[in-house]
Amino acid sequence: MLTVDLGIRLLLKRSSVGLSIVNVVATAELSQSVDLWKLAQVDGFLYDQAIYHCAYLKDAKTRAKVSIFSTGKMVSIGTRNLADSKHDLKYAAKRLADLELTHPAKISVKLQNIVATARLSQNLDIENLARTLPDVIYEPDQFPAAIYHSKELDGASMLIFSSGKIVFAGLRARGQLATARKIAVSLTKLANSSSQG
């Protein structure tokens, strides 16, 4: 897994368009319930039912944050790669078992979402892109970015800002990062050709 993450990072660094992963969301199931009230006084855990109906684990050994639901579902939020998400979810399962709130469980981690950003080296005429590209929503009085649903991204979406910033949300596989970079490069070329025409 680490070699794949490293390979993708090297590929992206060599490209003319930089792509940065800013958030990875992954889930795991404990297949048993968790008494969240017992976590309220445990170091590293936060549980306040008035705020949200789950407990949070964030301590010196986590790389981001894990939400733990009473159903046994866990969600890792805020890491920048799948390896860190797996670490956090496995660590959370171990902490719960060490506290004797669950039985030791082997978990299977599932990638749910990757959010990545790209910064193009130029401003974009997003009004022109909205007229040129299919499946674009651009309502500047509602939101300052165009929303693009590229078929190549299989359900993921892009927020395209006139500053040249692009946010990719809903990516569900690491392989989609290379596709996202290619789309960003294509947008740069499209913007260049429309500004020259």
N, C-alpha and C. Protein backbone atom coordinates (compact mmCIF):
# COMPACT_ATOMS: atom_id res chain seq x y z
N MET A 1 0.81 -1.20 0.00
CA MET A 1 0.00 0.00 0.00
C MET A 1 0.86 1.26 0.00
N LEU A 2 1.89 1.30 0.82
CA LEU A 2 2.73 2.49 0.90
C LEU A 2 3.44 2.76 -0.40
N THR A 3 3.85 1.72 -1.11
CA THR A 3 4.54 1.94 -2.39
C THR A 3 3.59 2.53 -3.42
N VAL A 4 2.32 2.14 -3.40
CA VAL A 4 1.34 2.71 -4.32
C VAL A 4 1.15 4.19 -4.01
N ASP A 5 0.96 4.55 -2.71
CA ASP A 5 0.82 5.95 -2.31
C ASP A 5 2.03 6.75 -2.73
N LEU A 6 3.23 6.21 -2.53
CA LEU A 6 4.46 6.90 -2.90
C LEU A 6 4.54 7.06 -4.40
N GLY A 7 4.18 6.04 -5.15
CA GLY A 7 4.19 6.10 -6.61
C GLY A 7 3.27 7.18 -7.15
N ILE A 8 2.08 7.30 -6.57
CA ILE A 8 1.14 8.33 -7.00
C ILE A 8 1.70 9.71 -6.69
N ARG A 9 2.29 9.88 -5.50
CA ARG A 9 2.87 11.18 -5.14
C ARG A 9 3.98 11.56 -6.10
N LEU A 10 4.83 10.60 -6.47
CA LEU A 10 5.91 10.89 -7.42
C LEU A 10 5.36 11.25 -8.79
N LEU A 11 4.33 10.53 -9.25
CA LEU A 11 3.70 10.83 -10.52
C LEU A 11 3.15 12.25 -10.52
N LEU A 12 2.49 12.64 -9.45
CA LEU A 12 1.88 13.96 -9.39
C LEU A 12 2.93 15.06 -9.31
N LYS A 13 4.04 14.82 -8.62
CA LYS A 13 5.10 15.82 -8.52
C LYS A 13 5.75 16.08 -9.87
N ARG A 14 5.80 15.06 -10.74
CA ARG A 14 6.42 15.22 -12.05
C ARG A 14 5.51 15.92 -13.04
N SER A 15 4.22 16.01 -12.74
CA SER A 15 3.28 16.62 -13.68
C SER A 15 3.36 18.14 -13.61
N SER A 16 2.83 18.79 -14.65
CA SER A 16 2.82 20.25 -14.68
C SER A 16 1.76 20.82 -13.76
N VAL A 17 0.80 20.02 -13.36
CA VAL A 17 -0.27 20.45 -12.46
C VAL A 17 -0.10 19.71 -11.15
N GLY A 18 0.11 20.44 -10.07
CA GLY A 18 0.25 19.81 -8.76
C GLY A 18 -1.10 19.40 -8.21
N LEU A 19 -1.18 18.22 -7.65
CA LEU A 19 -2.40 17.72 -7.05
C LEU A 19 -2.06 17.30 -5.63
N SER A 20 -2.80 17.81 -4.66
CA SER A 20 -2.55 17.48 -3.26
C SER A 20 -3.77 16.82 -2.64
N ILE A 21 -3.55 15.72 -1.96
CA ILE A 21 -4.64 15.09 -1.21
C ILE A 21 -4.79 15.86 0.09
N VAL A 22 -6.01 16.33 0.36
CA VAL A 22 -6.24 17.11 1.57
C VAL A 22 -7.10 16.37 2.60
N ASN A 23 -7.78 15.32 2.17
CA ASN A 23 -8.59 14.55 3.12
C ASN A 23 -8.90 13.18 2.54
N VAL A 24 -8.78 12.17 3.40
CA VAL A 24 -9.19 10.81 3.05
C VAL A 24 -10.20 10.38 4.11
N VAL A 25 -11.31 9.84 3.66
CA VAL A 25 -12.34 9.31 4.56
C VAL A 25 -12.41 7.80 4.32
N ALA A 26 -12.28 7.05 5.40
CA ALA A 26 -12.37 5.59 5.32
C ALA A 26 -13.23 5.09 6.48
N THR A 27 -13.84 3.94 6.30
CA THR A 27 -14.72 3.39 7.33
C THR A 27 -14.32 1.96 7.67
N ALA A 28 -14.79 1.53 8.83
CA ALA A 28 -14.62 0.14 9.26
C ALA A 28 -15.77 -0.20 10.21
N GLU A 29 -16.10 -1.47 10.28
CA GLU A 29 -17.17 -1.95 11.16
C GLU A 29 -16.58 -2.86 12.23
N LEU A 30 -16.98 -2.61 13.47
CA LEU A 30 -16.57 -3.50 14.56
C LEU A 30 -17.49 -4.71 14.68
N SER A 31 -18.67 -4.62 14.07
CA SER A 31 -19.69 -5.67 14.13
C SER A 31 -20.12 -5.97 15.57
N GLN A 32 -20.12 -4.95 16.38
CA GLN A 32 -20.60 -5.03 17.77
C GLN A 32 -20.88 -3.61 18.25
N SER A 33 -21.74 -3.49 19.23
CA SER A 33 -22.10 -2.15 19.70
C SER A 33 -21.05 -1.62 20.68
N VAL A 34 -21.07 -0.29 20.84
CA VAL A 34 -20.12 0.39 21.71
C VAL A 34 -20.92 1.30 22.64
N ASP A 35 -20.66 1.21 23.94
CA ASP A 35 -21.32 2.09 24.92
C ASP A 35 -20.56 3.41 24.94
N LEU A 36 -21.05 4.39 24.22
CA LEU A 36 -20.35 5.67 24.07
C LEU A 36 -20.25 6.44 25.38
N TRP A 37 -21.22 6.26 26.28
CA TRP A 37 -21.18 6.99 27.56
C TRP A 37 -19.92 6.65 28.35
N LYS A 38 -19.44 5.42 28.21
CA LYS A 38 -18.24 5.02 28.95
C LYS A 38 -16.98 5.69 28.40
N LEU A 39 -17.05 6.26 27.20
CA LEU A 39 -15.89 6.94 26.61
C LEU A 39 -15.80 8.40 27.04
N ALA A 40 -16.86 8.93 27.61
CA ALA A 40 -16.92 10.36 27.94
C ALA A 40 -15.78 10.81 28.86
N GLN A 41 -15.30 9.95 29.74
CA GLN A 41 -14.26 10.32 30.69
C GLN A 41 -12.88 9.73 30.37
N VAL A 42 -12.75 9.11 29.21
CA VAL A 42 -11.49 8.47 28.85
C VAL A 42 -10.63 9.44 28.04
N ASP A 43 -9.35 9.55 28.44
CA ASP A 43 -8.42 10.44 27.72
C ASP A 43 -8.36 10.10 26.24
N GLY A 44 -8.39 11.12 25.42
CA GLY A 44 -8.31 10.94 23.98
C GLY A 44 -9.66 10.84 23.29
N PHE A 45 -10.71 10.56 24.07
CA PHE A 45 -12.06 10.45 23.51
C PHE A 45 -12.88 11.68 23.89
N LEU A 46 -13.78 12.04 23.01
CA LEU A 46 -14.73 13.12 23.28
C LEU A 46 -16.11 12.58 22.95
N TYR A 47 -17.00 12.68 23.92
CA TYR A 47 -18.38 12.29 23.66
C TYR A 47 -19.30 13.27 24.36
N ASP A 48 -20.11 13.94 23.58
CA ASP A 48 -21.13 14.84 24.08
C ASP A 48 -22.32 14.70 23.14
N GLN A 49 -23.35 14.00 23.62
CA GLN A 49 -24.49 13.69 22.77
C GLN A 49 -25.17 14.95 22.25
N ALA A 50 -25.03 16.06 22.97
CA ALA A 50 -25.63 17.31 22.52
C ALA A 50 -24.95 17.83 21.25
N ILE A 51 -23.68 17.47 21.05
CA ILE A 51 -22.95 17.93 19.87
C ILE A 51 -23.20 16.99 18.68
N TYR A 52 -23.03 15.70 18.90
CA TYR A 52 -23.17 14.75 17.82
C TYR A 52 -23.39 13.37 18.43
N HIS A 53 -23.96 12.48 17.68
CA HIS A 53 -24.31 11.16 18.21
C HIS A 53 -23.21 10.13 17.97
N CYS A 54 -21.98 10.55 18.20
CA CYS A 54 -20.86 9.62 18.14
C CYS A 54 -19.77 10.14 19.07
N ALA A 55 -18.79 9.29 19.32
CA ALA A 55 -17.62 9.70 20.10
C ALA A 55 -16.48 9.94 19.11
N TYR A 56 -15.56 10.77 19.50
CA TYR A 56 -14.38 11.05 18.68
C TYR A 56 -13.15 10.56 19.41
N LEU A 57 -12.21 10.01 18.66
CA LEU A 57 -10.92 9.63 19.20
C LEU A 57 -9.86 10.46 18.49
N LYS A 58 -9.12 11.23 19.26
CA LYS A 58 -7.98 11.99 18.73
C LYS A 58 -7.00 12.12 19.89
N ASP A 59 -5.84 11.50 19.72
CA ASP A 59 -4.80 11.62 20.74
C ASP A 59 -3.44 11.64 20.05
N ALA A 60 -2.39 11.52 20.82
CA ALA A 60 -1.03 11.63 20.27
C ALA A 60 -0.70 10.50 19.28
N LYS A 61 -1.41 9.39 19.35
CA LYS A 61 -1.11 8.26 18.46
C LYS A 61 -1.96 8.23 17.20
N THR A 62 -3.01 9.05 17.14
CA THR A 62 -3.81 9.11 15.91
C THR A 62 -3.18 10.12 14.96
N ARG A 63 -3.41 9.91 13.70
CA ARG A 63 -2.88 10.84 12.69
C ARG A 63 -3.93 11.86 12.30
N ALA A 64 -5.19 11.58 12.62
CA ALA A 64 -6.29 12.51 12.39
C ALA A 64 -7.35 12.22 13.45
N LYS A 65 -8.60 12.02 13.03
CA LYS A 65 -9.68 11.81 13.99
C LYS A 65 -10.52 10.62 13.55
N VAL A 66 -11.02 9.86 14.52
CA VAL A 66 -11.92 8.75 14.24
C VAL A 66 -13.24 9.00 14.96
N SER A 67 -14.33 8.93 14.20
CA SER A 67 -15.67 8.99 14.78
C SER A 67 -16.11 7.56 15.07
N ILE A 68 -16.64 7.34 16.27
CA ILE A 68 -17.07 6.00 16.67
C ILE A 68 -18.55 6.07 17.02
N PHE A 69 -19.35 5.27 16.35
CA PHE A 69 -20.80 5.26 16.57
C PHE A 69 -21.18 4.08 17.46
N SER A 70 -22.31 4.21 18.13
CA SER A 70 -22.75 3.15 19.05
C SER A 70 -23.00 1.84 18.32
N THR A 71 -23.25 1.88 17.04
CA THR A 71 -23.48 0.67 16.24
C THR A 71 -22.20 -0.10 15.98
N GLY A 72 -21.05 0.51 16.26
CA GLY A 72 -19.77 -0.11 15.98
C GLY A 72 -19.14 0.36 14.69
N LYS A 73 -19.83 1.24 13.98
CA LYS A 73 -19.24 1.82 12.76
C LYS A 73 -18.21 2.87 13.17
N MET A 74 -17.08 2.88 12.48
CA MET A 74 -16.03 3.87 12.73
C MET A 74 -15.70 4.57 11.41
N VAL A 75 -15.44 5.87 11.51
CA VAL A 75 -15.11 6.67 10.33
C VAL A 75 -13.83 7.45 10.62
N SER A 76 -12.83 7.24 9.79
CA SER A 76 -11.58 8.00 9.88
C SER A 76 -11.71 9.22 8.97
N ILE A 77 -11.43 10.39 9.53
CA ILE A 77 -11.57 11.65 8.81
C ILE A 77 -10.31 12.47 8.98
N GLY A 78 -9.83 13.06 7.90
CA GLY A 78 -8.76 14.04 8.01
C GLY A 78 -7.35 13.57 7.73
N THR A 79 -7.18 12.31 7.38
CA THR A 79 -5.83 11.87 7.01
C THR A 79 -5.57 12.28 5.57
N ARG A 80 -4.34 12.10 5.14
CA ARG A 80 -3.99 12.47 3.77
C ARG A 80 -3.62 11.26 2.92
N ASN A 81 -3.75 10.07 3.51
CA ASN A 81 -3.53 8.85 2.73
C ASN A 81 -4.24 7.69 3.41
N LEU A 82 -4.47 6.64 2.65
CA LEU A 82 -5.21 5.48 3.16
C LEU A 82 -4.45 4.75 4.26
N ALA A 83 -3.13 4.73 4.18
CA ALA A 83 -2.34 4.04 5.21
C ALA A 83 -2.57 4.68 6.58
N ASP A 84 -2.63 6.01 6.64
CA ASP A 84 -2.90 6.68 7.92
C ASP A 84 -4.32 6.42 8.40
N SER A 85 -5.28 6.36 7.48
CA SER A 85 -6.66 6.03 7.86
C SER A 85 -6.73 4.63 8.46
N LYS A 86 -6.05 3.67 7.81
CA LYS A 86 -6.03 2.30 8.33
C LYS A 86 -5.40 2.27 9.72
N HIS A 87 -4.31 2.99 9.88
CA HIS A 87 -3.65 3.05 11.19
C HIS A 87 -4.63 3.54 12.25
N ASP A 88 -5.31 4.64 11.98
CA ASP A 88 -6.22 5.23 12.96
C ASP A 88 -7.39 4.30 13.28
N LEU A 89 -7.97 3.67 12.28
CA LEU A 89 -9.11 2.78 12.52
C LEU A 89 -8.69 1.54 13.31
N LYS A 90 -7.54 0.96 12.98
CA LYS A 90 -7.05 -0.20 13.73
C LYS A 90 -6.69 0.19 15.16
N TYR A 91 -6.09 1.37 15.30
CA TYR A 91 -5.74 1.87 16.63
C TYR A 91 -7.01 2.08 17.47
N ALA A 92 -8.06 2.65 16.87
CA ALA A 92 -9.32 2.87 17.59
C ALA A 92 -9.93 1.54 18.03
N ALA A 93 -9.93 0.55 17.14
CA ALA A 93 -10.47 -0.77 17.50
C ALA A 93 -9.69 -1.38 18.66
N LYS A 94 -8.37 -1.21 18.63
CA LYS A 94 -7.53 -1.74 19.72
C LYS A 94 -7.79 -1.00 21.02
N ARG A 95 -7.91 0.32 20.97
CA ARG A 95 -8.19 1.09 22.19
C ARG A 95 -9.50 0.67 22.83
N LEU A 96 -10.53 0.48 22.00
CA LEU A 96 -11.83 0.06 22.52
C LEU A 96 -11.74 -1.33 23.16
N ALA A 97 -10.99 -2.23 22.54
CA ALA A 97 -10.82 -3.57 23.10
C ALA A 97 -10.00 -3.51 24.39
N ASP A 98 -8.94 -2.69 24.41
CA ASP A 98 -8.11 -2.53 25.62
C ASP A 98 -8.92 -1.97 26.79
N LEU A 99 -9.90 -1.12 26.48
CA LEU A 99 -10.79 -0.56 27.51
C LEU A 99 -11.91 -1.54 27.88
N GLU A 100 -11.92 -2.70 27.23
CA GLU A 100 -12.93 -3.74 27.44
C GLU A 100 -14.34 -3.26 27.12
N LEU A 101 -14.43 -2.36 26.15
CA LEU A 101 -15.74 -1.89 25.68
C LEU A 101 -16.21 -2.70 24.47
N THR A 102 -15.26 -3.38 23.83
CA THR A 102 -15.59 -4.29 22.73
C THR A 102 -14.69 -5.50 22.84
N HIS A 103 -15.05 -6.54 22.12
CA HIS A 103 -14.17 -7.69 21.99
C HIS A 103 -13.15 -7.37 20.90
N PRO A 104 -11.94 -7.90 20.99
CA PRO A 104 -10.98 -7.67 19.91
C PRO A 104 -11.60 -8.05 18.57
N ALA A 105 -11.42 -7.19 17.59
CA ALA A 105 -12.05 -7.43 16.28
C ALA A 105 -11.06 -7.16 15.17
N LYS A 106 -11.08 -8.02 14.18
CA LYS A 106 -10.31 -7.77 12.97
C LYS A 106 -11.21 -6.94 12.07
N ILE A 107 -10.73 -5.78 11.67
CA ILE A 107 -11.56 -4.89 10.87
C ILE A 107 -11.08 -4.84 9.43
N SER A 108 -12.00 -4.53 8.56
CA SER A 108 -11.70 -4.34 7.14
C SER A 108 -11.96 -2.87 6.82
N VAL A 109 -10.94 -2.19 6.36
CA VAL A 109 -11.03 -0.75 6.10
C VAL A 109 -11.47 -0.53 4.66
N LYS A 110 -12.46 0.36 4.49
CA LYS A 110 -12.99 0.65 3.17
C LYS A 110 -12.83 2.14 2.87
N LEU A 111 -12.18 2.46 1.77
CA LEU A 111 -12.01 3.84 1.33
C LEU A 111 -13.36 4.37 0.85
N GLN A 112 -13.77 5.53 1.38
CA GLN A 112 -15.05 6.11 1.00
C GLN A 112 -14.91 7.36 0.14
N ASN A 113 -13.87 8.17 0.40
CA ASN A 113 -13.78 9.47 -0.27
C ASN A 113 -12.36 10.00 -0.19
N ILE A 114 -11.90 10.55 -1.30
CA ILE A 114 -10.65 11.29 -1.32
C ILE A 114 -10.99 12.69 -1.80
N VAL A 115 -10.51 13.69 -1.09
CA VAL A 115 -10.63 15.08 -1.52
C VAL A 115 -9.23 15.55 -1.86
N ALA A 116 -9.08 16.08 -3.06
CA ALA A 116 -7.78 16.57 -3.52
C ALA A 116 -7.95 17.95 -4.12
N THR A 117 -6.88 18.72 -4.11
CA THR A 117 -6.91 20.04 -4.73
C THR A 117 -5.80 20.16 -5.76
N ALA A 118 -6.05 20.96 -6.75
CA ALA A 118 -5.05 21.30 -7.76
C ALA A 118 -4.99 22.81 -7.84
N ARG A 119 -3.82 23.31 -8.10
CA ARG A 119 -3.64 24.76 -8.28
C ARG A 119 -3.04 24.95 -9.67
N LEU A 120 -3.85 25.49 -10.57
CA LEU A 120 -3.36 25.75 -11.92
C LEU A 120 -2.53 27.02 -11.90
N SER A 121 -1.65 27.16 -12.85
CA SER A 121 -0.73 28.31 -12.87
C SER A 121 -1.36 29.54 -13.51
N GLN A 122 -2.67 29.54 -13.67
CA GLN A 122 -3.33 30.68 -14.30
C GLN A 122 -4.77 30.78 -13.80
N ASN A 123 -5.35 31.95 -14.00
CA ASN A 123 -6.77 32.14 -13.71
C ASN A 123 -7.58 31.46 -14.82
N LEU A 124 -8.82 31.11 -14.50
CA LEU A 124 -9.68 30.45 -15.47
C LEU A 124 -10.93 31.29 -15.72
N ASP A 125 -11.35 31.31 -16.95
CA ASP A 125 -12.62 31.95 -17.32
C ASP A 125 -13.70 30.89 -17.11
N ILE A 126 -14.25 30.83 -15.90
CA ILE A 126 -15.18 29.73 -15.61
C ILE A 126 -16.53 29.94 -16.29
N GLU A 127 -16.87 31.16 -16.65
CA GLU A 127 -18.10 31.36 -17.43
C GLU A 127 -17.95 30.68 -18.79
N ASN A 128 -16.79 30.84 -19.41
CA ASN A 128 -16.54 30.19 -20.70
C ASN A 128 -16.47 28.67 -20.53
N LEU A 129 -15.82 28.21 -19.47
CA LEU A 129 -15.76 26.75 -19.23
C LEU A 129 -17.17 26.19 -19.03
N ALA A 130 -18.03 26.95 -18.34
CA ALA A 130 -19.40 26.48 -18.10
C ALA A 130 -20.18 26.37 -19.41
N ARG A 131 -19.88 27.25 -20.35
CA ARG A 131 -20.54 27.18 -21.67
C ARG A 131 -19.94 26.06 -22.53
N THR A 132 -18.67 25.76 -22.34
CA THR A 132 -17.94 24.82 -23.19
C THR A 132 -18.09 23.37 -22.75
N LEU A 133 -18.02 23.14 -21.45
CA LEU A 133 -18.02 21.77 -20.94
C LEU A 133 -19.43 21.26 -20.67
N PRO A 134 -19.67 19.97 -20.90
CA PRO A 134 -20.97 19.40 -20.52
C PRO A 134 -21.02 19.18 -19.01
N ASP A 135 -22.21 19.07 -18.48
CA ASP A 135 -22.42 18.72 -17.08
C ASP A 135 -21.79 19.70 -16.09
N VAL A 136 -21.81 20.99 -16.42
CA VAL A 136 -21.27 22.02 -15.53
C VAL A 136 -22.43 22.85 -14.98
N ILE A 137 -22.37 23.11 -13.69
CA ILE A 137 -23.33 24.01 -13.05
C ILE A 137 -22.54 25.22 -12.59
N TYR A 138 -22.94 26.39 -13.04
CA TYR A 138 -22.27 27.61 -12.60
C TYR A 138 -23.32 28.68 -12.35
N GLU A 139 -23.50 29.02 -11.10
CA GLU A 139 -24.43 30.06 -10.68
C GLU A 139 -23.67 30.99 -9.75
N PRO A 140 -22.98 32.00 -10.31
CA PRO A 140 -22.08 32.84 -9.51
C PRO A 140 -22.77 33.59 -8.37
N ASP A 141 -24.07 33.82 -8.49
CA ASP A 141 -24.78 34.48 -7.39
C ASP A 141 -25.05 33.52 -6.23
N GLN A 142 -24.91 32.20 -6.47
CA GLN A 142 -25.12 31.19 -5.44
C GLN A 142 -23.81 30.68 -4.85
N PHE A 143 -22.79 30.50 -5.71
CA PHE A 143 -21.53 29.88 -5.29
C PHE A 143 -20.44 30.35 -6.24
N PRO A 144 -19.24 30.67 -5.74
CA PRO A 144 -18.21 31.27 -6.59
C PRO A 144 -17.46 30.31 -7.51
N ALA A 145 -17.82 29.05 -7.51
CA ALA A 145 -17.13 28.07 -8.35
C ALA A 145 -18.11 27.37 -9.28
N ALA A 146 -17.58 26.88 -10.38
CA ALA A 146 -18.36 26.01 -11.26
C ALA A 146 -18.26 24.59 -10.71
N ILE A 147 -19.34 23.86 -10.78
CA ILE A 147 -19.36 22.48 -10.32
C ILE A 147 -19.41 21.61 -11.57
N TYR A 148 -18.41 20.76 -11.71
CA TYR A 148 -18.27 19.94 -12.91
C TYR A 148 -18.31 18.47 -12.52
N HIS A 149 -19.21 17.74 -13.15
CA HIS A 149 -19.32 16.30 -12.94
C HIS A 149 -18.77 15.60 -14.18
N SER A 150 -17.48 15.32 -14.16
CA SER A 150 -16.82 14.67 -15.28
C SER A 150 -17.15 13.18 -15.29
N LYS A 151 -17.56 12.69 -16.44
CA LYS A 151 -17.87 11.26 -16.56
C LYS A 151 -16.66 10.39 -16.23
N GLU A 152 -15.46 10.88 -16.54
CA GLU A 152 -14.24 10.12 -16.28
C GLU A 152 -13.99 9.90 -14.79
N LEU A 153 -14.58 10.72 -13.94
CA LEU A 153 -14.36 10.61 -12.50
C LEU A 153 -15.40 9.75 -11.79
N ASP A 154 -16.29 9.12 -12.56
CA ASP A 154 -17.21 8.12 -12.03
C ASP A 154 -17.94 8.59 -10.77
N GLY A 155 -18.67 9.70 -10.88
CA GLY A 155 -19.48 10.17 -9.76
C GLY A 155 -18.83 11.24 -8.91
N ALA A 156 -17.54 11.42 -9.01
CA ALA A 156 -16.87 12.48 -8.25
C ALA A 156 -17.17 13.82 -8.91
N SER A 157 -16.97 14.89 -8.17
CA SER A 157 -17.22 16.21 -8.74
C SER A 157 -16.00 17.10 -8.56
N MET A 158 -16.01 18.18 -9.32
CA MET A 158 -14.93 19.16 -9.26
C MET A 158 -15.54 20.52 -9.00
N LEU A 159 -14.91 21.28 -8.12
CA LEU A 159 -15.24 22.69 -7.94
C LEU A 159 -14.13 23.47 -8.62
N ILE A 160 -14.48 24.27 -9.60
CA ILE A 160 -13.49 25.00 -10.39
C ILE A 160 -13.63 26.48 -10.08
N PHE A 161 -12.59 27.07 -9.51
CA PHE A 161 -12.60 28.48 -9.14
C PHE A 161 -11.86 29.31 -10.19
N SER A 162 -12.24 30.56 -10.36
CA SER A 162 -11.60 31.42 -11.35
C SER A 162 -10.13 31.66 -11.03
N SER A 163 -9.73 31.51 -9.78
CA SER A 163 -8.32 31.69 -9.39
C SER A 163 -7.42 30.58 -9.91
N GLY A 164 -8.01 29.52 -10.45
CA GLY A 164 -7.24 28.38 -10.92
C GLY A 164 -7.20 27.24 -9.93
N LYS A 165 -7.87 27.41 -8.79
CA LYS A 165 -7.94 26.32 -7.81
C LYS A 165 -9.07 25.37 -8.21
N ILE A 166 -8.78 24.08 -8.10
CA ILE A 166 -9.78 23.05 -8.37
C ILE A 166 -9.83 22.11 -7.17
N VAL A 167 -11.02 21.80 -6.71
CA VAL A 167 -11.22 20.85 -5.62
C VAL A 167 -11.94 19.64 -6.20
N PHE A 168 -11.33 18.47 -6.03
CA PHE A 168 -11.93 17.21 -6.46
C PHE A 168 -12.51 16.54 -5.22
N ALA A 169 -13.80 16.24 -5.25
CA ALA A 169 -14.45 15.59 -4.10
C ALA A 169 -15.19 14.35 -4.58
N GLY A 170 -15.18 13.34 -3.73
CA GLY A 170 -15.90 12.12 -4.06
C GLY A 170 -15.08 11.09 -4.82
N LEU A 171 -13.77 11.29 -4.90
CA LEU A 171 -12.93 10.26 -5.53
C LEU A 171 -12.97 9.03 -4.64
N ARG A 172 -13.11 7.86 -5.23
CA ARG A 172 -13.27 6.64 -4.43
C ARG A 172 -12.18 5.61 -4.66
N ALA A 173 -11.20 5.97 -5.46
CA ALA A 173 -10.08 5.04 -5.71
C ALA A 173 -8.84 5.86 -6.01
N ARG A 174 -7.70 5.34 -5.58
CA ARG A 174 -6.45 6.07 -5.82
C ARG A 174 -6.18 6.27 -7.30
N GLY A 175 -6.62 5.33 -8.13
CA GLY A 175 -6.42 5.45 -9.57
C GLY A 175 -7.10 6.68 -10.16
N GLN A 176 -8.14 7.17 -9.50
CA GLN A 176 -8.83 8.35 -9.99
C GLN A 176 -7.98 9.62 -9.85
N LEU A 177 -6.94 9.58 -9.02
CA LEU A 177 -6.08 10.75 -8.87
C LEU A 177 -5.37 11.09 -10.17
N ALA A 178 -4.89 10.08 -10.88
CA ALA A 178 -4.22 10.32 -12.16
C ALA A 178 -5.22 10.89 -13.17
N THR A 179 -6.45 10.38 -13.16
CA THR A 179 -7.49 10.91 -14.04
C THR A 179 -7.81 12.36 -13.68
N ALA A 180 -7.88 12.65 -12.39
CA ALA A 180 -8.15 14.02 -11.93
C ALA A 180 -7.06 14.97 -12.42
N ARG A 181 -5.80 14.53 -12.34
CA ARG A 181 -4.70 15.37 -12.80
C ARG A 181 -4.81 15.62 -14.30
N LYS A 182 -5.15 14.58 -15.07
CA LYS A 182 -5.30 14.74 -16.52
C LYS A 182 -6.41 15.74 -16.85
N ILE A 183 -7.49 15.68 -16.10
CA ILE A 183 -8.59 16.63 -16.32
C ILE A 183 -8.13 18.05 -16.00
N ALA A 184 -7.37 18.22 -14.92
CA ALA A 184 -6.86 19.54 -14.57
C ALA A 184 -5.95 20.08 -15.68
N VAL A 185 -5.09 19.21 -16.23
CA VAL A 185 -4.22 19.62 -17.34
C VAL A 185 -5.08 20.02 -18.55
N SER A 186 -6.13 19.24 -18.84
CA SER A 186 -7.03 19.56 -19.95
C SER A 186 -7.71 20.89 -19.75
N LEU A 187 -8.12 21.19 -18.50
CA LEU A 187 -8.76 22.48 -18.22
C LEU A 187 -7.79 23.63 -18.48
N THR A 188 -6.52 23.43 -18.13
CA THR A 188 -5.52 24.45 -18.40
C THR A 188 -5.40 24.70 -19.89
N LYS A 189 -5.33 23.62 -20.68
CA LYS A 189 -5.24 23.75 -22.14
C LYS A 189 -6.49 24.41 -22.71
N LEU A 190 -7.66 24.02 -22.21
CA LEU A 190 -8.91 24.59 -22.69
C LEU A 190 -8.98 26.08 -22.36
N ALA A 191 -8.57 26.44 -21.15
CA ALA A 191 -8.57 27.85 -20.76
C ALA A 191 -7.57 28.64 -21.60
N ASN A 192 -6.40 28.05 -21.88
CA ASN A 192 -5.40 28.72 -22.73
C ASN A 192 -5.95 28.95 -24.13
N SER A 193 -6.60 27.95 -24.73
CA SER A 193 -7.10 28.10 -26.09
C SER A 193 -8.26 29.10 -26.15
N SER A 194 -9.11 29.14 -25.10
CA SER A 194 -10.24 30.08 -25.14
C SER A 194 -9.78 31.50 -24.88
N SER A 195 -8.68 31.69 -24.11
CA SER A 195 -8.20 33.05 -23.86
C SER A 195 -7.44 33.60 -25.06
N GLN A 196 -6.95 32.69 -25.94
CA GLN A 196 -6.23 33.15 -27.12
C GLN A 196 -7.18 33.38 -28.29
N GLY A 197 -8.39 32.80 -28.21
CA GLY A 197 -9.33 32.89 -29.32
C GLY A 197 -10.16 34.06 -29.24
